[in-house]
Amino acid sequence: MLDALADGRLHERTASALVPLEPTDRRALFALFGEFSFSVSVQQEIIELAAEIGRREGMTPAEVLRADTIVALRGDERRPARHRAGEIRRYLQGRRTPRLTARRERFLEETQELGLPSGVRLVPPPYFEGPQWRLECTFQGGKNLARTLRTVALVAEQPNFQTVLEGQGRVEDGSEGVME
């Protein structure tokens, strides 16, 4: 790891984040970072995720990285490394906050079913908490905007649109809230 730090393969911030970990955990994370080109901020996020999951589940970060899903992704040479890296990150995020992740996935499915016009995106409040939603729209010219807004207005009147908004705060098991 010192050689990697000296020749620039390991960033100083990542090395600093690895220092407090046990040697086995450092080696496991370093090996993962050697396989996939995560940005420095994503490397730090993965270190935090693995450590937090480990603390919560009574495991070491190295044991967290030996999860069947991660092992399978690391070994799947048929898929591009960039995709596998993203899936490893999403897996760890989902394992850290499973209810919030399930809510995000459900929200994506629900919004796809709404039939919003292309260039329009519904953005939930952070962590699906709070009343403020955003609607983002890209358009070319006034006529295109007017047509898009008419379509959005029709979609907003549909019962399933209200269902998406009311789904805020509910999780798969029926309990309220999404805090982990």
C-alpha atoms as a PDB file:
ATOM      1  CA  MET A   1       0.000   0.000   0.000  1.00  0.00           C
ATOM      2  CA  LEU A   2       2.908   2.338   0.668  1.00  0.00           C
ATOM      3  CA  ASP A   3       4.204   1.677  -2.843  1.00  0.00           C
ATOM      4  CA  ALA A   4       0.743   2.403  -4.252  1.00  0.00           C
ATOM      5  CA  LEU A   5       0.628   5.639  -2.272  1.00  0.00           C
ATOM      6  CA  ALA A   6       4.112   6.630  -3.454  1.00  0.00           C
ATOM      7  CA  ASP A   7       3.409   6.000  -7.133  1.00  0.00           C
ATOM      8  CA  GLY A   8      -0.060   7.580  -7.115  1.00  0.00           C
ATOM      9  CA  ARG A   9      -2.214   4.460  -7.366  1.00  0.00           C
ATOM     10  CA  LEU A  10      -3.613   5.158  -3.890  1.00  0.00           C
ATOM     11  CA  HIS A  11      -4.805   8.651  -3.040  1.00  0.00           C
ATOM     12  CA  GLU A  12      -3.714  10.257   0.233  1.00  0.00           C
ATOM     13  CA  ARG A  13      -7.313  10.729   1.430  1.00  0.00           C
ATOM     14  CA  THR A  14      -8.086   7.060   0.809  1.00  0.00           C
ATOM     15  CA  ALA A  15      -4.893   6.002   2.587  1.00  0.00           C
ATOM     16  CA  SER A  16      -5.817   8.221   5.556  1.00  0.00           C
ATOM     17  CA  ALA A  17      -9.266   6.645   5.710  1.00  0.00           C
ATOM     18  CA  LEU A  18      -7.712   3.158   5.703  1.00  0.00           C
ATOM     19  CA  VAL A  19      -5.216   3.863   8.529  1.00  0.00           C
ATOM     20  CA  PRO A  20      -7.610   3.330  11.492  1.00  0.00           C
ATOM     21  CA  LEU A  21      -8.713  -0.071  10.161  1.00  0.00           C
ATOM     22  CA  GLU A  22      -7.234  -3.426  11.024  1.00  0.00           C
ATOM     23  CA  PRO A  23      -4.601  -4.699   8.541  1.00  0.00           C
ATOM     24  CA  THR A  24      -6.933  -7.403   7.157  1.00  0.00           C
ATOM     25  CA  ASP A  25      -9.638  -4.825   6.513  1.00  0.00           C
ATOM     26  CA  ARG A  26      -7.173  -2.424   4.888  1.00  0.00           C
ATOM     27  CA  ARG A  27      -5.919  -5.156   2.559  1.00  0.00           C
ATOM     28  CA  ALA A  28      -9.463  -6.221   1.614  1.00  0.00           C
ATOM     29  CA  LEU A  29     -10.496  -2.664   0.739  1.00  0.00           C
ATOM     30  CA  PHE A  30      -7.208  -1.941  -1.027  1.00  0.00           C
ATOM     31  CA  ALA A  31      -7.678  -5.064  -3.148  1.00  0.00           C
ATOM     32  CA  LEU A  32     -11.190  -3.952  -4.091  1.00  0.00           C
ATOM     33  CA  PHE A  33      -9.896  -0.510  -5.080  1.00  0.00           C
ATOM     34  CA  GLY A  34      -7.208  -2.178  -7.164  1.00  0.00           C
ATOM     35  CA  GLU A  35      -9.816  -4.146  -9.114  1.00  0.00           C
ATOM     36  CA  PHE A  36     -12.160  -1.244  -9.830  1.00  0.00           C
ATOM     37  CA  SER A  37     -11.476   2.408 -10.558  1.00  0.00           C
ATOM     38  CA  PHE A  38     -13.627   4.131  -7.968  1.00  0.00           C
ATOM     39  CA  SER A  39     -13.189   7.873  -7.511  1.00  0.00           C
ATOM     40  CA  VAL A  40     -11.544   8.992  -4.271  1.00  0.00           C
ATOM     41  CA  SER A  41     -14.857  10.108  -2.791  1.00  0.00           C
ATOM     42  CA  VAL A  42     -16.486   6.774  -3.693  1.00  0.00           C
ATOM     43  CA  GLN A  43     -13.537   4.899  -2.160  1.00  0.00           C
ATOM     44  CA  GLN A  44     -14.082   6.832   1.056  1.00  0.00           C
ATOM     45  CA  GLU A  45     -17.807   6.115   0.892  1.00  0.00           C
ATOM     46  CA  ILE A  46     -17.131   2.390   0.459  1.00  0.00           C
ATOM     47  CA  ILE A  47     -14.759   2.403   3.433  1.00  0.00           C
ATOM     48  CA  GLU A  48     -17.449   4.095   5.546  1.00  0.00           C
ATOM     49  CA  LEU A  49     -20.185   1.766   4.285  1.00  0.00           C
ATOM     50  CA  ALA A  50     -18.182  -1.391   4.961  1.00  0.00           C
ATOM     51  CA  ALA A  51     -17.164  -0.164   8.424  1.00  0.00           C
ATOM     52  CA  GLU A  52     -20.683   0.926   9.370  1.00  0.00           C
ATOM     53  CA  ILE A  53     -22.307  -2.267   8.094  1.00  0.00           C
ATOM     54  CA  GLY A  54     -19.661  -4.264   9.921  1.00  0.00           C
ATOM     55  CA  ARG A  55     -20.252  -2.452  13.210  1.00  0.00           C
ATOM     56  CA  ARG A  56     -24.015  -2.860  12.932  1.00  0.00           C
ATOM     57  CA  GLU A  57     -23.852  -6.547  11.957  1.00  0.00           C
ATOM     58  CA  GLY A  58     -20.948  -7.559  14.211  1.00  0.00           C
ATOM     59  CA  MET A  59     -18.564  -8.161  11.315  1.00  0.00           C
ATOM     60  CA  THR A  60     -15.314  -6.752  10.069  1.00  0.00           C
ATOM     61  CA  PRO A  61     -15.239  -4.660   6.879  1.00  0.00           C
ATOM     62  CA  ALA A  62     -13.318  -7.519   5.230  1.00  0.00           C
ATOM     63  CA  GLU A  63     -16.162  -9.902   6.090  1.00  0.00           C
ATOM     64  CA  VAL A  64     -18.675  -7.429   4.646  1.00  0.00           C
ATOM     65  CA  LEU A  65     -16.709  -7.451   1.383  1.00  0.00           C
ATOM     66  CA  ARG A  66     -16.887 -11.257   1.296  1.00  0.00           C
ATOM     67  CA  ALA A  67     -20.686 -11.180   0.897  1.00  0.00           C
ATOM     68  CA  ASP A  68     -21.866 -13.546  -1.814  1.00  0.00           C
ATOM     69  CA  THR A  69     -23.191 -10.667  -3.931  1.00  0.00           C
ATOM     70  CA  ILE A  70     -19.865  -8.828  -3.903  1.00  0.00           C
ATOM     71  CA  VAL A  71     -17.867 -11.990  -4.576  1.00  0.00           C
ATOM     72  CA  ALA A  72     -20.122 -12.800  -7.537  1.00  0.00           C
ATOM     73  CA  LEU A  73     -19.811  -9.278  -8.948  1.00  0.00           C
ATOM     74  CA  ARG A  74     -16.050  -9.280  -8.574  1.00  0.00           C
ATOM     75  CA  GLY A  75     -15.799 -12.581 -10.410  1.00  0.00           C
ATOM     76  CA  ASP A  76     -18.191 -11.771 -13.264  1.00  0.00           C
ATOM     77  CA  GLU A  77     -15.683 -10.934 -15.996  1.00  0.00           C
ATOM     78  CA  ARG A  78     -18.381 -10.893 -18.699  1.00  0.00           C
ATOM     79  CA  ARG A  79     -19.682  -7.511 -17.552  1.00  0.00           C
ATOM     80  CA  PRO A  80     -17.736  -4.257 -17.682  1.00  0.00           C
ATOM     81  CA  ALA A  81     -15.825  -3.398 -14.521  1.00  0.00           C
ATOM     82  CA  ARG A  82     -17.512   0.006 -14.347  1.00  0.00           C
ATOM     83  CA  HIS A  83     -20.961  -1.608 -14.106  1.00  0.00           C
ATOM     84  CA  ARG A  84     -19.833  -4.122 -11.523  1.00  0.00           C
ATOM     85  CA  ALA A  85     -18.236  -1.351  -9.463  1.00  0.00           C
ATOM     86  CA  GLY A  86     -21.491   0.608  -9.496  1.00  0.00           C
ATOM     87  CA  GLU A  87     -23.431  -2.473  -8.435  1.00  0.00           C
ATOM     88  CA  ILE A  88     -21.029  -3.141  -5.564  1.00  0.00           C
ATOM     89  CA  ARG A  89     -21.519   0.424  -4.372  1.00  0.00           C
ATOM     90  CA  ARG A  90     -25.327   0.174  -4.673  1.00  0.00           C
ATOM     91  CA  TYR A  91     -25.294  -3.176  -2.878  1.00  0.00           C
ATOM     92  CA  LEU A  92     -23.390  -1.664   0.058  1.00  0.00           C
ATOM     93  CA  GLN A  93     -25.659   1.392   0.123  1.00  0.00           C
ATOM     94  CA  GLY A  94     -28.707  -0.864   0.102  1.00  0.00           C
ATOM     95  CA  ARG A  95     -27.318  -3.027   2.854  1.00  0.00           C
ATOM     96  CA  ARG A  96     -26.599   0.055   4.944  1.00  0.00           C
ATOM     97  CA  THR A  97     -30.068   1.587   4.494  1.00  0.00           C
ATOM     98  CA  PRO A  98     -32.327  -1.197   3.233  1.00  0.00           C
ATOM     99  CA  ARG A  99     -35.656   0.544   3.837  1.00  0.00           C
ATOM    100  CA  LEU A 100     -34.599   3.783   2.176  1.00  0.00           C
ATOM    101  CA  THR A 101     -33.145   1.844  -0.751  1.00  0.00           C
ATOM    102  CA  ALA A 102     -36.379  -0.132  -1.130  1.00  0.00           C
ATOM    103  CA  ARG A 103     -38.347   3.130  -1.104  1.00  0.00           C
ATOM    104  CA  ARG A 104     -36.096   4.630  -3.798  1.00  0.00           C
ATOM    105  CA  GLU A 105     -36.515   1.561  -5.989  1.00  0.00           C
ATOM    106  CA  ARG A 106     -40.277   1.587  -5.509  1.00  0.00           C
ATOM    107  CA  PHE A 107     -40.354   5.303  -6.340  1.00  0.00           C
ATOM    108  CA  LEU A 108     -38.435   4.695  -9.581  1.00  0.00           C
ATOM    109  CA  GLU A 109     -40.873   1.967 -10.602  1.00  0.00           C
ATOM    110  CA  GLU A 110     -43.870   4.136  -9.719  1.00  0.00           C
ATOM    111  CA  THR A 111     -42.604   7.166 -11.631  1.00  0.00           C
ATOM    112  CA  GLN A 112     -41.880   5.076 -14.721  1.00  0.00           C
ATOM    113  CA  GLU A 113     -45.493   3.914 -14.668  1.00  0.00           C
ATOM    114  CA  LEU A 114     -46.797   7.492 -14.500  1.00  0.00           C
ATOM    115  CA  GLY A 115     -46.128   8.212 -18.158  1.00  0.00           C
ATOM    116  CA  LEU A 116     -44.460  11.565 -17.662  1.00  0.00           C
ATOM    117  CA  PRO A 117     -43.310  13.086 -20.954  1.00  0.00           C
ATOM    118  CA  SER A 118     -39.657  12.794 -21.895  1.00  0.00           C
ATOM    119  CA  GLY A 119     -37.581  15.548 -20.366  1.00  0.00           C
ATOM    120  CA  VAL A 120     -39.734  15.639 -17.211  1.00  0.00           C
ATOM    121  CA  ARG A 121     -38.575  14.218 -13.917  1.00  0.00           C
ATOM    122  CA  LEU A 122     -40.281  14.092 -10.530  1.00  0.00           C
ATOM    123  CA  VAL A 123     -37.784  14.632  -7.692  1.00  0.00           C
ATOM    124  CA  PRO A 124     -38.764  13.569  -4.157  1.00  0.00           C
ATOM    125  CA  PRO A 125     -37.744  15.414  -1.010  1.00  0.00           C
ATOM    126  CA  PRO A 126     -34.428  14.275   0.481  1.00  0.00           C
ATOM    127  CA  TYR A 127     -34.807  10.844   2.102  1.00  0.00           C
ATOM    128  CA  PHE A 128     -38.509  11.056   1.146  1.00  0.00           C
ATOM    129  CA  GLU A 129     -39.063  13.261   4.181  1.00  0.00           C
ATOM    130  CA  GLY A 130     -40.943  16.530   3.973  1.00  0.00           C
ATOM    131  CA  PRO A 131     -43.645  17.969   1.762  1.00  0.00           C
ATOM    132  CA  GLN A 132     -41.539  19.675  -0.917  1.00  0.00           C
ATOM    133  CA  TRP A 133     -41.350  17.823  -4.248  1.00  0.00           C
ATOM    134  CA  ARG A 134     -39.707  19.172  -7.403  1.00  0.00           C
ATOM    135  CA  LEU A 135     -40.603  18.740 -11.016  1.00  0.00           C
ATOM    136  CA  GLU A 136     -37.718  19.185 -13.448  1.00  0.00           C
ATOM    137  CA  CYS A 137     -38.431  19.871 -17.078  1.00  0.00           C
ATOM    138  CA  THR A 138     -36.265  20.404 -20.149  1.00  0.00           C
ATOM    139  CA  PHE A 139     -37.811  21.829 -23.283  1.00  0.00           C
ATOM    140  CA  GLN A 140     -37.166  23.598 -26.554  1.00  0.00           C
ATOM    141  CA  GLY A 141     -39.334  26.635 -27.198  1.00  0.00           C
ATOM    142  CA  GLY A 142     -42.614  27.860 -25.817  1.00  0.00           C
ATOM    143  CA  LYS A 143     -44.876  25.495 -27.762  1.00  0.00           C
ATOM    144  CA  ASN A 144     -42.921  22.472 -26.569  1.00  0.00           C
ATOM    145  CA  LEU A 145     -43.112  23.743 -22.988  1.00  0.00           C
ATOM    146  CA  ALA A 146     -46.857  24.349 -23.230  1.00  0.00           C
ATOM    147  CA  ARG A 147     -47.442  20.834 -24.622  1.00  0.00           C
ATOM    148  CA  THR A 148     -45.247  19.307 -21.916  1.00  0.00           C
ATOM    149  CA  LEU A 149     -47.031  21.220 -19.151  1.00  0.00           C
ATOM    150  CA  ARG A 150     -50.456  20.141 -20.447  1.00  0.00           C
ATOM    151  CA  THR A 151     -49.318  16.514 -20.403  1.00  0.00           C
ATOM    152  CA  VAL A 152     -47.884  16.915 -16.897  1.00  0.00           C
ATOM    153  CA  ALA A 153     -51.179  18.440 -15.733  1.00  0.00           C
ATOM    154  CA  LEU A 154     -53.078  15.412 -17.072  1.00  0.00           C
ATOM    155  CA  VAL A 155     -50.657  13.021 -15.383  1.00  0.00           C
ATOM    156  CA  ALA A 156     -50.932  14.966 -12.100  1.00  0.00           C
ATOM    157  CA  GLU A 157     -54.700  14.428 -12.104  1.00  0.00           C
ATOM    158  CA  GLN A 158     -54.333  10.649 -12.299  1.00  0.00           C
ATOM    159  CA  PRO A 159     -54.865   8.690  -9.067  1.00  0.00           C
ATOM    160  CA  ASN A 160     -51.523   6.918  -9.454  1.00  0.00           C
ATOM    161  CA  PHE A 161     -49.714  10.296  -9.361  1.00  0.00           C
ATOM    162  CA  GLN A 162     -51.237  11.015  -5.959  1.00  0.00           C
ATOM    163  CA  THR A 163     -50.310   7.487  -4.882  1.00  0.00           C
ATOM    164  CA  VAL A 164     -46.659   8.234  -5.669  1.00  0.00           C
ATOM    165  CA  LEU A 165     -46.798  11.389  -3.547  1.00  0.00           C
ATOM    166  CA  GLU A 166     -48.636   9.680  -0.707  1.00  0.00           C
ATOM    167  CA  GLY A 167     -46.179   6.793  -0.787  1.00  0.00           C
ATOM    168  CA  GLN A 168     -43.727   9.229   0.777  1.00  0.00           C
ATOM    169  CA  GLY A 169     -42.727   7.965   4.185  1.00  0.00           C
ATOM    170  CA  ARG A 170     -44.266   4.487   3.820  1.00  0.00           C
ATOM    171  CA  VAL A 171     -41.996   1.499   3.533  1.00  0.00           C
ATOM    172  CA  GLU A 172     -42.461  -2.054   2.273  1.00  0.00           C
ATOM    173  CA  ASP A 173     -43.321  -3.558   5.655  1.00  0.00           C
ATOM    174  CA  GLY A 174     -46.082  -1.001   6.211  1.00  0.00           C
ATOM    175  CA  SER A 175     -44.360   0.893   9.006  1.00  0.00           C
ATOM    176  CA  GLU A 176     -43.957   4.630   8.774  1.00  0.00           C
ATOM    177  CA  GLY A 177     -40.730   6.500   8.099  1.00  0.00           C
ATOM    178  CA  VAL A 178     -37.579   5.570   6.287  1.00  0.00           C
ATOM    179  CA  MET A 179     -34.916   6.304   8.847  1.00  0.00           C
ATOM    180  CA  GLU A 180     -32.622   3.367   9.431  1.00  0.00           C
END
